[in-house]
C-alpha atoms as a PDB file:
ATOM      1  CA  MET A   1      -1.128 -13.764  -6.011  1.00  0.00           C
ATOM      2  CA  THR A   2      -4.061 -15.847  -5.670  1.00  0.00           C
ATOM      3  CA  ASP A   3      -7.150 -15.397  -7.920  1.00  0.00           C
ATOM      4  CA  ASP A   4      -9.265 -13.996  -4.838  1.00  0.00           C
ATOM      5  CA  GLU A   5      -6.457 -11.540  -4.210  1.00  0.00           C
ATOM      6  CA  ALA A   6      -6.683 -10.302  -7.690  1.00  0.00           C
ATOM      7  CA  LYS A   7     -10.572 -10.024  -7.467  1.00  0.00           C
ATOM      8  CA  THR A   8     -10.332  -8.161  -4.466  1.00  0.00           C
ATOM      9  CA  ILE A   9      -7.731  -5.720  -5.873  1.00  0.00           C
ATOM     10  CA  THR A  10     -10.019  -5.332  -8.935  1.00  0.00           C
ATOM     11  CA  ARG A  11     -13.088  -4.566  -6.681  1.00  0.00           C
ATOM     12  CA  GLN A  12     -11.045  -2.007  -4.767  1.00  0.00           C
ATOM     13  CA  TYR A  13     -10.078  -0.129  -8.023  1.00  0.00           C
ATOM     14  CA  THR A  14     -13.627   0.368  -9.059  1.00  0.00           C
ATOM     15  CA  VAL A  15     -14.190   2.622  -6.032  1.00  0.00           C
ATOM     16  CA  ALA A  16     -12.137   5.571  -7.497  1.00  0.00           C
ATOM     17  CA  PRO A  17     -14.062   5.949 -10.838  1.00  0.00           C
ATOM     18  CA  VAL A  18     -17.481   5.581  -9.248  1.00  0.00           C
ATOM     19  CA  GLY A  19     -16.656   7.773  -6.207  1.00  0.00           C
ATOM     20  CA  SER A  20     -15.098  10.494  -8.813  1.00  0.00           C
ATOM     21  CA  VAL A  21     -18.414  10.487 -10.695  1.00  0.00           C
ATOM     22  CA  VAL A  22     -20.421  10.897  -7.679  1.00  0.00           C
ATOM     23  CA  ALA A  23     -17.963  13.723  -6.398  1.00  0.00           C
ATOM     24  CA  ILE A  24     -18.467  15.487  -9.843  1.00  0.00           C
ATOM     25  CA  ALA A  25     -22.203  15.066  -9.633  1.00  0.00           C
ATOM     26  CA  ILE A  26     -22.297  16.351  -5.943  1.00  0.00           C
ATOM     27  CA  SER A  27     -19.968  19.285  -6.850  1.00  0.00           C
ATOM     28  CA  PHE A  28     -22.848  21.164  -8.742  1.00  0.00           C
ATOM     29  CA  VAL A  29     -24.777  21.198  -5.525  1.00  0.00           C
ATOM     30  CA  SER A  30     -22.136  21.628  -2.836  1.00  0.00           C
ATOM     31  CA  GLY A  31     -18.355  21.780  -3.161  1.00  0.00           C
ATOM     32  CA  LEU A  32     -17.652  20.887   0.536  1.00  0.00           C
ATOM     33  CA  ALA A  33     -19.623  17.638  -0.026  1.00  0.00           C
ATOM     34  CA  SER A  34     -17.712  17.046  -3.111  1.00  0.00           C
ATOM     35  CA  VAL A  35     -14.449  17.311  -1.343  1.00  0.00           C
ATOM     36  CA  THR A  36     -15.857  15.198   1.354  1.00  0.00           C
ATOM     37  CA  VAL A  37     -16.496  12.334  -1.054  1.00  0.00           C
ATOM     38  CA  VAL A  38     -12.909  12.689  -2.519  1.00  0.00           C
ATOM     39  CA  LEU A  39     -11.494  12.495   0.956  1.00  0.00           C
ATOM     40  CA  ILE A  40     -13.551   9.415   1.682  1.00  0.00           C
ATOM     41  CA  ILE A  41     -12.103   7.774  -1.335  1.00  0.00           C
ATOM     42  CA  ALA A  42      -8.611   8.637  -0.167  1.00  0.00           C
ATOM     43  CA  ALA A  43      -9.333   7.432   3.240  1.00  0.00           C
ATOM     44  CA  PHE A  44     -10.639   4.099   1.574  1.00  0.00           C
ATOM     45  CA  TYR A  45      -7.345   3.449  -0.249  1.00  0.00           C
ATOM     46  CA  ALA A  46      -5.279   4.600   2.854  1.00  0.00           C
ATOM     47  CA  ILE A  47      -7.094   1.857   5.051  1.00  0.00           C
ATOM     48  CA  THR A  48      -7.451  -0.817   2.490  1.00  0.00           C
ATOM     49  CA  GLY A  49      -4.148  -0.481   0.492  1.00  0.00           C
ATOM     50  CA  SER A  50      -2.123  -3.548  -0.090  1.00  0.00           C
ATOM     51  CA  HIS A  51       1.315  -3.655   1.495  1.00  0.00           C
ATOM     52  CA  GLY A  52       4.218  -5.432  -0.241  1.00  0.00           C
ATOM     53  CA  ASP A  53       5.959  -8.207   1.673  1.00  0.00           C
END
């Protein structure tokens, strides 16, 4: 694994904590919007997930 790959993976892992905080904050206003944020996070990881060789 190169340093650039490691940095990319590290950046990808910051999405979940930030997105979760956003989802929790939004949940006080709209449950549906909160679930939508969580689904967007899941889609992000499904699309950008790394695949082993």
